[in-house]
C-alpha atoms as a PDB file:
ATOM      1  CA  UNK A   1      77.651 117.420  83.640  1.00  0.00           C
ATOM      2  CA  UNK A   2      77.434 115.442  86.833  1.00  0.00           C
ATOM      3  CA  UNK A   3      77.852 117.245  90.320  1.00  0.00           C
ATOM      4  CA  UNK A   4      78.968 115.013  92.870  1.00  0.00           C
ATOM      5  CA  UNK A   5      78.123 115.810  96.497  1.00  0.00           C
ATOM      6  CA  UNK A   6      79.718 114.366  99.429  1.00  0.00           C
ATOM      7  CA  UNK A   7      77.964 111.532 101.027  1.00  0.00           C
ATOM      8  CA  UNK A   8      80.076 109.657 103.476  1.00  0.00           C
ATOM      9  CA  UNK A   9      83.699 107.882 102.702  1.00  0.00           C
ATOM     10  CA  UNK A  10      83.164 104.332 101.576  1.00  0.00           C
ATOM     11  CA  UNK A  11      85.854 104.226  99.346  1.00  0.00           C
ATOM     12  CA  UNK A  12      87.216 105.976  95.959  1.00  0.00           C
ATOM     13  CA  UNK A  13      89.438 105.365  93.131  1.00  0.00           C
ATOM     14  CA  UNK A  14      93.015 106.291  94.105  1.00  0.00           C
ATOM     15  CA  UNK A  15      93.743 110.323  93.885  1.00  0.00           C
ATOM     16  CA  UNK A  16      96.722 110.150  91.541  1.00  0.00           C
ATOM     17  CA  UNK A  17      96.756 114.351  91.430  1.00  0.00           C
ATOM     18  CA  UNK A  18      95.475 117.213  93.670  1.00  0.00           C
ATOM     19  CA  UNK A  19      96.144 120.555  92.010  1.00  0.00           C
ATOM     20  CA  UNK A  20      95.569 123.824  93.749  1.00  0.00           C
ATOM     21  CA  UNK A  21      94.434 127.118  92.498  1.00  0.00           C
ATOM     22  CA  UNK A  22      97.249 129.598  93.067  1.00  0.00           C
ATOM     23  CA  UNK A  23      94.747 132.689  94.141  1.00  0.00           C
ATOM     24  CA  UNK A  24      91.271 131.344  94.944  1.00  0.00           C
ATOM     25  CA  UNK A  25      91.279 128.463  98.064  1.00  0.00           C
ATOM     26  CA  UNK A  26      87.953 127.319  97.188  1.00  0.00           C
ATOM     27  CA  UNK A  27      88.940 125.865  93.649  1.00  0.00           C
ATOM     28  CA  UNK A  28      90.983 122.494  93.739  1.00  0.00           C
ATOM     29  CA  UNK A  29      91.302 119.675  90.688  1.00  0.00           C
ATOM     30  CA  UNK A  30      91.817 116.229  91.527  1.00  0.00           C
ATOM     31  CA  UNK A  31      92.167 113.391  88.840  1.00  0.00           C
ATOM     32  CA  UNK A  32      91.787 109.820  89.784  1.00  0.00           C
ATOM     33  CA  UNK A  33      92.305 106.922  87.427  1.00  0.00           C
ATOM     34  CA  UNK A  34      89.571 107.694  85.347  1.00  0.00           C
ATOM     35  CA  UNK A  35      88.276 111.032  85.527  1.00  0.00           C
ATOM     36  CA  UNK A  36      89.360 114.733  86.170  1.00  0.00           C
ATOM     37  CA  UNK A  37      86.978 116.468  89.050  1.00  0.00           C
ATOM     38  CA  UNK A  38      86.678 120.407  89.906  1.00  0.00           C
ATOM     39  CA  UNK A  39      85.515 121.901  93.238  1.00  0.00           C
ATOM     40  CA  UNK A  40      84.518 125.369  93.756  1.00  0.00           C
ATOM     41  CA  UNK A  41      83.491 125.232  97.288  1.00  0.00           C
ATOM     42  CA  UNK A  42      86.640 124.287  98.957  1.00  0.00           C
ATOM     43  CA  UNK A  43      85.283 120.519  98.487  1.00  0.00           C
ATOM     44  CA  UNK A  44      81.920 119.847  99.417  1.00  0.00           C
ATOM     45  CA  UNK A  45      80.750 119.409  95.834  1.00  0.00           C
ATOM     46  CA  UNK A  46      82.586 118.687  92.755  1.00  0.00           C
ATOM     47  CA  UNK A  47      82.210 118.611  88.654  1.00  0.00           C
ATOM     48  CA  UNK A  48      83.287 115.954  86.334  1.00  0.00           C
ATOM     49  CA  UNK A  49      85.755 117.499  83.997  1.00  0.00           C
ATOM     50  CA  UNK A  50      86.270 114.907  81.574  1.00  0.00           C
ATOM     51  CA  UNK A  51      84.050 115.851  78.687  1.00  0.00           C
ATOM     52  CA  UNK A  52      86.241 116.018  75.307  1.00  0.00           C
ATOM     53  CA  UNK A  53      89.275 114.093  76.522  1.00  0.00           C
ATOM     54  CA  UNK A  54      89.900 110.411  76.161  1.00  0.00           C
ATOM     55  CA  UNK A  55      89.414 107.644  78.268  1.00  0.00           C
ATOM     56  CA  UNK A  56      93.285 107.767  78.871  1.00  0.00           C
ATOM     57  CA  UNK A  57      94.198 107.946  82.529  1.00  0.00           C
ATOM     58  CA  UNK A  58      95.266 111.595  83.800  1.00  0.00           C
ATOM     59  CA  UNK A  59      98.636 111.421  85.381  1.00  0.00           C
ATOM     60  CA  UNK A  60      99.657 114.888  85.685  1.00  0.00           C
ATOM     61  CA  UNK A  61      97.829 118.114  85.691  1.00  0.00           C
ATOM     62  CA  UNK A  62      99.017 121.890  86.009  1.00  0.00           C
ATOM     63  CA  UNK A  63      97.621 125.198  85.972  1.00  0.00           C
ATOM     64  CA  UNK A  64      98.967 128.512  84.405  1.00  0.00           C
ATOM     65  CA  UNK A  65     100.333 130.419  86.984  1.00  0.00           C
ATOM     66  CA  UNK A  66      99.667 133.798  85.122  1.00  0.00           C
ATOM     67  CA  UNK A  67      96.420 132.802  83.553  1.00  0.00           C
ATOM     68  CA  UNK A  68      95.002 130.312  86.146  1.00  0.00           C
ATOM     69  CA  UNK A  69      91.837 129.489  84.005  1.00  0.00           C
ATOM     70  CA  UNK A  70      94.338 127.703  81.736  1.00  0.00           C
ATOM     71  CA  UNK A  71      94.823 123.970  82.752  1.00  0.00           C
ATOM     72  CA  UNK A  72      96.736 121.592  81.364  1.00  0.00           C
ATOM     73  CA  UNK A  73      96.257 117.656  81.859  1.00  0.00           C
ATOM     74  CA  UNK A  74      99.164 115.249  80.934  1.00  0.00           C
ATOM     75  CA  UNK A  75      97.625 111.603  80.319  1.00  0.00           C
ATOM     76  CA  UNK A  76      98.878 108.008  79.882  1.00  0.00           C
ATOM     77  CA  UNK A  77      99.319 106.989  75.860  1.00  0.00           C
ATOM     78  CA  UNK A  78      97.465 110.193  74.320  1.00  0.00           C
ATOM     79  CA  UNK A  79      99.597 113.145  75.176  1.00  0.00           C
ATOM     80  CA  UNK A  80      98.571 116.479  76.382  1.00  0.00           C
ATOM     81  CA  UNK A  81      95.268 118.425  76.679  1.00  0.00           C
ATOM     82  CA  UNK A  82      94.603 121.700  77.445  1.00  0.00           C
ATOM     83  CA  UNK A  83      91.682 123.936  78.705  1.00  0.00           C
ATOM     84  CA  UNK A  84      91.187 127.406  78.580  1.00  0.00           C
ATOM     85  CA  UNK A  85      88.049 127.753  80.682  1.00  0.00           C
ATOM     86  CA  UNK A  86      88.789 126.132  83.717  1.00  0.00           C
ATOM     87  CA  UNK A  87      88.296 122.676  82.432  1.00  0.00           C
ATOM     88  CA  UNK A  88      85.023 123.193  80.948  1.00  0.00           C
ATOM     89  CA  UNK A  89      86.534 122.247  77.690  1.00  0.00           C
ATOM     90  CA  UNK A  90      89.451 120.589  76.537  1.00  0.00           C
ATOM     91  CA  UNK A  91      91.782 120.280  73.307  1.00  0.00           C
ATOM     92  CA  UNK A  92      94.489 117.854  72.299  1.00  0.00           C
ATOM     93  CA  UNK A  93      97.869 119.686  71.767  1.00  0.00           C
ATOM     94  CA  UNK A  94     100.461 117.180  70.822  1.00  0.00           C
ATOM     95  CA  UNK A  95     102.340 119.048  67.964  1.00  0.00           C
ATOM     96  CA  UNK A  96     105.938 117.341  68.688  1.00  0.00           C
ATOM     97  CA  UNK A  97     104.871 114.385  70.897  1.00  0.00           C
ATOM     98  CA  UNK A  98     102.997 112.680  67.702  1.00  0.00           C
ATOM     99  CA  UNK A  99     105.974 109.802  67.710  1.00  0.00           C
ATOM    100  CA  UNK A 100     105.783 109.585  71.454  1.00  0.00           C
ATOM    101  CA  UNK A 101     102.083 109.192  72.523  1.00  0.00           C
ATOM    102  CA  UNK A 102     101.087 105.479  71.912  1.00  0.00           C
ATOM    103  CA  UNK A 103     103.803 104.557  74.457  1.00  0.00           C
ATOM    104  CA  UNK A 104     104.273 107.878  76.562  1.00  0.00           C
ATOM    105  CA  UNK A 105     103.045 108.895  79.811  1.00  0.00           C
ATOM    106  CA  UNK A 106     103.580 112.291  80.795  1.00  0.00           C
ATOM    107  CA  UNK A 107     104.519 112.724  84.236  1.00  0.00           C
ATOM    108  CA  UNK A 108     104.847 116.357  85.192  1.00  0.00           C
ATOM    109  CA  UNK A 109     104.692 119.702  83.734  1.00  0.00           C
ATOM    110  CA  UNK A 110     106.972 122.573  85.433  1.00  0.00           C
ATOM    111  CA  UNK A 111     106.619 126.322  84.325  1.00  0.00           C
ATOM    112  CA  UNK A 112     109.444 128.963  83.921  1.00  0.00           C
ATOM    113  CA  UNK A 113     108.574 131.180  86.648  1.00  0.00           C
ATOM    114  CA  UNK A 114     110.061 134.166  84.354  1.00  0.00           C
ATOM    115  CA  UNK A 115     107.389 132.881  81.194  1.00  0.00           C
ATOM    116  CA  UNK A 116     104.235 131.182  81.739  1.00  0.00           C
ATOM    117  CA  UNK A 117     104.093 129.939  77.771  1.00  0.00           C
ATOM    118  CA  UNK A 118     107.652 128.497  78.984  1.00  0.00           C
ATOM    119  CA  UNK A 119     106.826 125.065  79.753  1.00  0.00           C
ATOM    120  CA  UNK A 120     108.913 121.220  80.137  1.00  0.00           C
ATOM    121  CA  UNK A 121     107.568 117.905  80.072  1.00  0.00           C
ATOM    122  CA  UNK A 122     108.694 115.161  82.141  1.00  0.00           C
ATOM    123  CA  UNK A 123     107.372 111.967  79.921  1.00  0.00           C
ATOM    124  CA  UNK A 124     108.306 108.342  79.844  1.00  0.00           C
ATOM    125  CA  UNK A 125     110.040 108.774  76.484  1.00  0.00           C
ATOM    126  CA  UNK A 126     112.324 111.895  77.817  1.00  0.00           C
ATOM    127  CA  UNK A 127     111.745 115.740  78.199  1.00  0.00           C
ATOM    128  CA  UNK A 128     109.897 117.972  76.280  1.00  0.00           C
ATOM    129  CA  UNK A 129     110.024 121.755  76.340  1.00  0.00           C
ATOM    130  CA  UNK A 130     107.427 124.202  74.541  1.00  0.00           C
ATOM    131  CA  UNK A 131     108.246 128.033  74.126  1.00  0.00           C
ATOM    132  CA  UNK A 132     104.757 129.040  73.131  1.00  0.00           C
ATOM    133  CA  UNK A 133     102.346 127.224  76.017  1.00  0.00           C
ATOM    134  CA  UNK A 134     102.091 123.985  74.410  1.00  0.00           C
ATOM    135  CA  UNK A 135     101.048 124.227  70.871  1.00  0.00           C
ATOM    136  CA  UNK A 136     104.765 122.976  69.758  1.00  0.00           C
ATOM    137  CA  UNK A 137     106.851 120.499  71.885  1.00  0.00           C
ATOM    138  CA  UNK A 138     110.893 119.962  71.200  1.00  0.00           C
ATOM    139  CA  UNK A 139     112.706 116.840  72.880  1.00  0.00           C
ATOM    140  CA  UNK A 140     115.579 117.777  75.146  1.00  0.00           C
ATOM    141  CA  UNK A 141     117.367 114.763  75.690  1.00  0.00           C
ATOM    142  CA  UNK A 142     120.855 115.754  74.889  1.00  0.00           C
ATOM    143  CA  UNK A 143     123.440 114.223  77.221  1.00  0.00           C
ATOM    144  CA  UNK A 144     120.529 111.782  78.789  1.00  0.00           C
ATOM    145  CA  UNK A 145     122.241 108.773  76.995  1.00  0.00           C
ATOM    146  CA  UNK A 146     121.700 105.974  79.334  1.00  0.00           C
ATOM    147  CA  UNK A 147     118.305 106.424  80.555  1.00  0.00           C
ATOM    148  CA  UNK A 148     114.700 107.175  78.371  1.00  0.00           C
ATOM    149  CA  UNK A 149     112.392 107.471  81.226  1.00  0.00           C
ATOM    150  CA  UNK A 150     112.110 110.792  83.269  1.00  0.00           C
ATOM    151  CA  UNK A 151     109.721 110.709  85.998  1.00  0.00           C
ATOM    152  CA  UNK A 152     109.891 114.136  87.489  1.00  0.00           C
ATOM    153  CA  UNK A 153     111.694 117.702  86.937  1.00  0.00           C
ATOM    154  CA  UNK A 154     112.755 120.358  89.606  1.00  0.00           C
ATOM    155  CA  UNK A 155     113.853 123.680  88.799  1.00  0.00           C
ATOM    156  CA  UNK A 156     115.717 126.257  90.577  1.00  0.00           C
ATOM    157  CA  UNK A 157     113.038 129.035  91.699  1.00  0.00           C
ATOM    158  CA  UNK A 158     115.961 131.410  91.917  1.00  0.00           C
ATOM    159  CA  UNK A 159     117.509 130.568  88.487  1.00  0.00           C
ATOM    160  CA  UNK A 160     114.825 128.742  85.854  1.00  0.00           C
ATOM    161  CA  UNK A 161     118.301 128.028  83.572  1.00  0.00           C
ATOM    162  CA  UNK A 162     118.857 124.910  86.216  1.00  0.00           C
ATOM    163  CA  UNK A 163     116.872 122.061  85.992  1.00  0.00           C
ATOM    164  CA  UNK A 164     117.009 118.383  87.508  1.00  0.00           C
ATOM    165  CA  UNK A 165     115.687 115.433  85.857  1.00  0.00           C
ATOM    166  CA  UNK A 166     114.348 112.189  88.139  1.00  0.00           C
ATOM    167  CA  UNK A 167     114.715 109.089  85.966  1.00  0.00           C
ATOM    168  CA  UNK A 168     114.618 105.892  85.906  1.00  0.00           C
ATOM    169  CA  UNK A 169     118.599 105.826  86.449  1.00  0.00           C
ATOM    170  CA  UNK A 170     118.762 108.447  88.918  1.00  0.00           C
ATOM    171  CA  UNK A 171     119.454 112.419  88.833  1.00  0.00           C
ATOM    172  CA  UNK A 172     120.557 114.346  85.630  1.00  0.00           C
ATOM    173  CA  UNK A 173     121.338 118.269  85.971  1.00  0.00           C
ATOM    174  CA  UNK A 174     120.754 121.047  82.907  1.00  0.00           C
ATOM    175  CA  UNK A 175     122.192 124.500  83.660  1.00  0.00           C
ATOM    176  CA  UNK A 176     120.975 125.796  80.217  1.00  0.00           C
ATOM    177  CA  UNK A 177     117.334 125.073  80.339  1.00  0.00           C
ATOM    178  CA  UNK A 178     117.399 121.777  79.198  1.00  0.00           C
ATOM    179  CA  UNK A 179     119.781 121.919  76.280  1.00  0.00           C
ATOM    180  CA  UNK A 180     121.941 119.859  77.471  1.00  0.00           C
ATOM    181  CA  UNK A 181     122.065 117.234  80.589  1.00  0.00           C
ATOM    182  CA  UNK A 182     125.014 115.450  82.432  1.00  0.00           C
ATOM    183  CA  UNK A 183     124.452 112.651  85.551  1.00  0.00           C
ATOM    184  CA  UNK A 184     124.705 113.662  88.797  1.00  0.00           C
ATOM    185  CA  UNK A 185     124.824 110.000  90.400  1.00  0.00           C
ATOM    186  CA  UNK A 186     127.372 110.303  93.256  1.00  0.00           C
ATOM    187  CA  UNK A 187     125.793 108.636  95.972  1.00  0.00           C
ATOM    188  CA  UNK A 188     122.648 107.768  94.348  1.00  0.00           C
ATOM    189  CA  UNK A 189     123.426 105.241  91.732  1.00  0.00           C
ATOM    190  CA  UNK A 190     126.347 103.163  91.584  1.00  0.00           C
ATOM    191  CA  UNK A 191     128.731 103.387  88.175  1.00  0.00           C
ATOM    192  CA  UNK A 192     127.331 100.848  85.498  1.00  0.00           C
ATOM    193  CA  UNK A 193     124.078 100.217  87.256  1.00  0.00           C
ATOM    194  CA  UNK A 194     122.136 102.777  85.453  1.00  0.00           C
ATOM    195  CA  UNK A 195     120.840 100.631  82.919  1.00  0.00           C
ATOM    196  CA  UNK A 196     120.031  97.761  85.091  1.00  0.00           C
ATOM    197  CA  UNK A 197     116.883  97.011  86.781  1.00  0.00           C
ATOM    198  CA  UNK A 198     118.441  97.866  90.187  1.00  0.00           C
ATOM    199  CA  UNK A 199     119.277 101.352  89.028  1.00  0.00           C
ATOM    200  CA  UNK A 200     117.248 103.920  91.262  1.00  0.00           C
ATOM    201  CA  UNK A 201     114.348 105.142  90.192  1.00  0.00           C
ATOM    202  CA  UNK A 202     113.264 108.380  91.131  1.00  0.00           C
ATOM    203  CA  UNK A 203     109.803 109.682  91.790  1.00  0.00           C
ATOM    204  CA  UNK A 204     110.281 113.209  92.868  1.00  0.00           C
ATOM    205  CA  UNK A 205     113.102 115.964  92.682  1.00  0.00           C
ATOM    206  CA  UNK A 206     112.782 119.080  94.091  1.00  0.00           C
ATOM    207  CA  UNK A 207     115.100 122.202  94.979  1.00  0.00           C
ATOM    208  CA  UNK A 208     115.310 123.926  97.916  1.00  0.00           C
ATOM    209  CA  UNK A 209     113.494 127.219  97.824  1.00  0.00           C
ATOM    210  CA  UNK A 210     115.741 128.689 100.811  1.00  0.00           C
ATOM    211  CA  UNK A 211     118.931 127.410  99.750  1.00  0.00           C
ATOM    212  CA  UNK A 212     119.223 126.513  96.061  1.00  0.00           C
ATOM    213  CA  UNK A 213     121.910 124.471  96.012  1.00  0.00           C
ATOM    214  CA  UNK A 214     120.439 121.904  98.638  1.00  0.00           C
ATOM    215  CA  UNK A 215     118.145 119.430  96.201  1.00  0.00           C
ATOM    216  CA  UNK A 216     116.263 116.501  97.652  1.00  0.00           C
ATOM    217  CA  UNK A 217     115.338 113.188  95.839  1.00  0.00           C
ATOM    218  CA  UNK A 218     112.762 111.050  96.917  1.00  0.00           C
ATOM    219  CA  UNK A 219     113.276 107.177  95.163  1.00  0.00           C
ATOM    220  CA  UNK A 220     111.597 103.701  95.043  1.00  0.00           C
ATOM    221  CA  UNK A 221     114.180 103.044  97.754  1.00  0.00           C
ATOM    222  CA  UNK A 222     114.776 105.722  99.980  1.00  0.00           C
ATOM    223  CA  UNK A 223     115.127 109.404 100.313  1.00  0.00           C
ATOM    224  CA  UNK A 224     118.466 111.325  99.188  1.00  0.00           C
ATOM    225  CA  UNK A 225     120.017 114.936  99.654  1.00  0.00           C
ATOM    226  CA  UNK A 226     122.465 116.708  98.278  1.00  0.00           C
ATOM    227  CA  UNK A 227     123.958 120.254  99.538  1.00  0.00           C
ATOM    228  CA  UNK A 228     126.204 121.095  96.753  1.00  0.00           C
ATOM    229  CA  UNK A 229     123.967 121.114  93.253  1.00  0.00           C
ATOM    230  CA  UNK A 230     124.382 117.349  92.736  1.00  0.00           C
ATOM    231  CA  UNK A 231     127.705 116.882  92.795  1.00  0.00           C
ATOM    232  CA  UNK A 232     127.335 114.212  96.049  1.00  0.00           C
ATOM    233  CA  UNK A 233     124.456 112.811  97.485  1.00  0.00           C
ATOM    234  CA  UNK A 234     123.564 111.519 101.097  1.00  0.00           C
ATOM    235  CA  UNK A 235     120.806 108.877 102.322  1.00  0.00           C
ATOM    236  CA  UNK A 236     118.539 110.360 104.705  1.00  0.00           C
ATOM    237  CA  UNK A 237     115.118 109.638 106.168  1.00  0.00           C
ATOM    238  CA  UNK A 238     116.391 105.732 106.720  1.00  0.00           C
ATOM    239  CA  UNK A 239     114.386 105.705 109.814  1.00  0.00           C
ATOM    240  CA  UNK A 240     111.221 106.154 107.694  1.00  0.00           C
ATOM    241  CA  UNK A 241     109.426 102.686 107.990  1.00  0.00           C
ATOM    242  CA  UNK A 242     108.319 102.787 104.236  1.00  0.00           C
ATOM    243  CA  UNK A 243     111.060 103.992 101.655  1.00  0.00           C
ATOM    244  CA  UNK A 244     109.234 103.710  98.685  1.00  0.00           C
ATOM    245  CA  UNK A 245     108.435 107.259  98.617  1.00  0.00           C
ATOM    246  CA  UNK A 246     105.521 108.536  96.305  1.00  0.00           C
ATOM    247  CA  UNK A 247     105.144 112.157  97.015  1.00  0.00           C
ATOM    248  CA  UNK A 248     107.195 115.020  98.431  1.00  0.00           C
ATOM    249  CA  UNK A 249     106.743 118.504  99.519  1.00  0.00           C
ATOM    250  CA  UNK A 250     109.225 121.115 100.638  1.00  0.00           C
ATOM    251  CA  UNK A 251     107.482 123.730 103.231  1.00  0.00           C
ATOM    252  CA  UNK A 252     107.485 127.108 101.421  1.00  0.00           C
ATOM    253  CA  UNK A 253     107.213 129.208 104.378  1.00  0.00           C
ATOM    254  CA  UNK A 254     109.696 127.339 106.514  1.00  0.00           C
ATOM    255  CA  UNK A 255     113.250 126.603 105.659  1.00  0.00           C
ATOM    256  CA  UNK A 256     114.311 122.891 106.473  1.00  0.00           C
ATOM    257  CA  UNK A 257     110.835 121.550 106.830  1.00  0.00           C
ATOM    258  CA  UNK A 258     109.637 118.792 104.203  1.00  0.00           C
ATOM    259  CA  UNK A 259     106.830 116.484 103.936  1.00  0.00           C
ATOM    260  CA  UNK A 260     106.962 112.693 102.444  1.00  0.00           C
ATOM    261  CA  UNK A 261     103.824 110.448 102.070  1.00  0.00           C
ATOM    262  CA  UNK A 262     104.246 106.622 101.355  1.00  0.00           C
ATOM    263  CA  UNK A 263     102.173 103.590 101.925  1.00  0.00           C
ATOM    264  CA  UNK A 264     102.362 104.086 105.546  1.00  0.00           C
ATOM    265  CA  UNK A 265     101.085 107.561 105.946  1.00  0.00           C
ATOM    266  CA  UNK A 266     102.805 111.423 105.626  1.00  0.00           C
ATOM    267  CA  UNK A 267     105.756 112.271 107.854  1.00  0.00           C
ATOM    268  CA  UNK A 268     107.494 115.584 108.387  1.00  0.00           C
ATOM    269  CA  UNK A 269     111.194 116.656 109.108  1.00  0.00           C
ATOM    270  CA  UNK A 270     111.992 119.682 110.501  1.00  0.00           C
ATOM    271  CA  UNK A 271     115.816 119.269 110.622  1.00  0.00           C
ATOM    272  CA  UNK A 272     116.259 118.881 106.436  1.00  0.00           C
ATOM    273  CA  UNK A 273     115.400 115.517 106.741  1.00  0.00           C
ATOM    274  CA  UNK A 274     117.736 114.227 109.827  1.00  0.00           C
ATOM    275  CA  UNK A 275     114.278 113.325 112.043  1.00  0.00           C
ATOM    276  CA  UNK A 276     110.697 112.595 111.380  1.00  0.00           C
ATOM    277  CA  UNK A 277     107.680 112.579 113.071  1.00  0.00           C
ATOM    278  CA  UNK A 278     104.592 111.050 111.227  1.00  0.00           C
ATOM    279  CA  UNK A 279     101.301 113.105 110.794  1.00  0.00           C
ATOM    280  CA  UNK A 280      98.402 110.589 110.091  1.00  0.00           C
ATOM    281  CA  UNK A 281      95.915 111.475 112.733  1.00  0.00           C
ATOM    282  CA  UNK A 282      92.771 111.491 111.464  1.00  0.00           C
ATOM    283  CA  UNK A 283      93.302 109.219 108.144  1.00  0.00           C
ATOM    284  CA  UNK A 284      91.531 106.168 107.970  1.00  0.00           C
ATOM    285  CA  UNK A 285      94.237 104.613 105.631  1.00  0.00           C
ATOM    286  CA  UNK A 286      98.238 105.135 105.433  1.00  0.00           C
ATOM    287  CA  UNK A 287      97.894 104.272 101.930  1.00  0.00           C
ATOM    288  CA  UNK A 288      98.707 107.881 100.450  1.00  0.00           C
ATOM    289  CA  UNK A 289      98.969 108.323  96.720  1.00  0.00           C
ATOM    290  CA  UNK A 290      99.704 112.429  96.320  1.00  0.00           C
ATOM    291  CA  UNK A 291     100.145 115.381  98.749  1.00  0.00           C
ATOM    292  CA  UNK A 292      99.576 119.009  98.055  1.00  0.00           C
ATOM    293  CA  UNK A 293     100.523 122.188 100.108  1.00  0.00           C
ATOM    294  CA  UNK A 294      98.508 125.168  99.572  1.00  0.00           C
ATOM    295  CA  UNK A 295      99.945 128.311  97.789  1.00  0.00           C
ATOM    296  CA  UNK A 296      98.039 130.505  99.915  1.00  0.00           C
ATOM    297  CA  UNK A 297      98.212 129.046 103.110  1.00  0.00           C
ATOM    298  CA  UNK A 298     101.225 126.821 104.186  1.00  0.00           C
ATOM    299  CA  UNK A 299      98.966 125.435 107.230  1.00  0.00           C
ATOM    300  CA  UNK A 300      96.546 123.919 104.427  1.00  0.00           C
ATOM    301  CA  UNK A 301      97.299 120.189 102.994  1.00  0.00           C
ATOM    302  CA  UNK A 302      95.685 117.872 100.952  1.00  0.00           C
ATOM    303  CA  UNK A 303      96.184 114.206 100.775  1.00  0.00           C
ATOM    304  CA  UNK A 304      94.689 111.844  98.336  1.00  0.00           C
ATOM    305  CA  UNK A 305      94.765 108.065  99.443  1.00  0.00           C
ATOM    306  CA  UNK A 306      95.009 105.157  97.342  1.00  0.00           C
ATOM    307  CA  UNK A 307      91.172 104.049  97.609  1.00  0.00           C
ATOM    308  CA  UNK A 308      89.816 105.995 100.569  1.00  0.00           C
ATOM    309  CA  UNK A 309      89.124 109.484  99.286  1.00  0.00           C
ATOM    310  CA  UNK A 310      90.854 112.851  99.800  1.00  0.00           C
ATOM    311  CA  UNK A 311      91.754 114.417 103.031  1.00  0.00           C
ATOM    312  CA  UNK A 312      92.235 117.893 104.172  1.00  0.00           C
ATOM    313  CA  UNK A 313      94.526 119.567 107.298  1.00  0.00           C
ATOM    314  CA  UNK A 314      94.178 122.988 108.548  1.00  0.00           C
ATOM    315  CA  UNK A 315      97.246 122.733 110.975  1.00  0.00           C
ATOM    316  CA  UNK A 316     100.356 121.739 108.736  1.00  0.00           C
ATOM    317  CA  UNK A 317      99.018 118.051 108.952  1.00  0.00           C
ATOM    318  CA  UNK A 318      98.536 117.806 112.612  1.00  0.00           C
ATOM    319  CA  UNK A 319      95.118 116.584 112.513  1.00  0.00           C
ATOM    320  CA  UNK A 320      92.964 115.343 109.171  1.00  0.00           C
ATOM    321  CA  UNK A 321      89.643 115.217 107.912  1.00  0.00           C
ATOM    322  CA  UNK A 322      87.938 113.281 105.343  1.00  0.00           C
ATOM    323  CA  UNK A 323      86.521 114.662 102.185  1.00  0.00           C
ATOM    324  CA  UNK A 324      84.191 111.869 101.674  1.00  0.00           C
ATOM    325  CA  UNK A 325      84.143 110.093  98.345  1.00  0.00           C
ATOM    326  CA  UNK A 326      81.829 111.554  95.480  1.00  0.00           C
ATOM    327  CA  UNK A 327      78.665 109.697  94.177  1.00  0.00           C
ATOM    328  CA  UNK A 328      75.988 111.292  91.719  1.00  0.00           C
ATOM    329  CA  UNK A 329      73.244 113.216  93.026  1.00  0.00           C
ATOM    330  CA  UNK A 330      69.994 112.578  91.706  1.00  0.00           C
END
């Protein structure tokens, strides 16, 4: 296994995933277009954890909230991998996904907060559910007739039975843990356009942890908000220069505070999306690919760029410092 040291920021692969350990602030994982890396010292040095995996691109990662040594990785074209030892060894777990793996992309994992063995997948072939920690997956697309590609899932943290699916054609809602879905596109996608190329592709959908009837949907054409559980949506964030939102974070400590990332950097709103301030001081590039808030310290953020490495902020995004590119150490 190669160990990588920080040796100067001269560019890197896009950082598509940032996954932070739930209880140890020194442990974090990132995935680039080619590999998964792990740091045990807060980003000073890194190890390549891709041994035992195929060369399929990793799109999503998740850490078991109850047993954080257990890691899941979702790939493009090769289903799901699971590690029981913090990423040292990987096992392919694709039962129920066999027919979907060749053309499927695993976009996101969502854990039921009441049961860590109960997991949902958002994939380009639909929503899948496992009730035995990924050993077997079952497709859950009843009612989602107009679309196939599911990009993101949002679970109500206070009611795990309530799920929102962001798709290639807007948002769907389930109130029975994915057993049935209904379209909730009022204000998002005009009727009759869901199947067309002009339909709204959702990149992130998240339920407000303080007000569960409030849900935010980030899309490739702007930001939307509902305050009535998806019955109607309104456009917000129209003052943002770039409307192609690639990442969104709802602050876990302060109501109404949210962050979005796009090609012109990171912006924060403290009033539920009405007004925004840029948070780009210290960033060598504003082309952001991924954004994560620490589960332990709400002031600690990591930002992955589209070619200029990983950045860290310890003051809620006001200032950023580079964790430079990784190169083999002799």
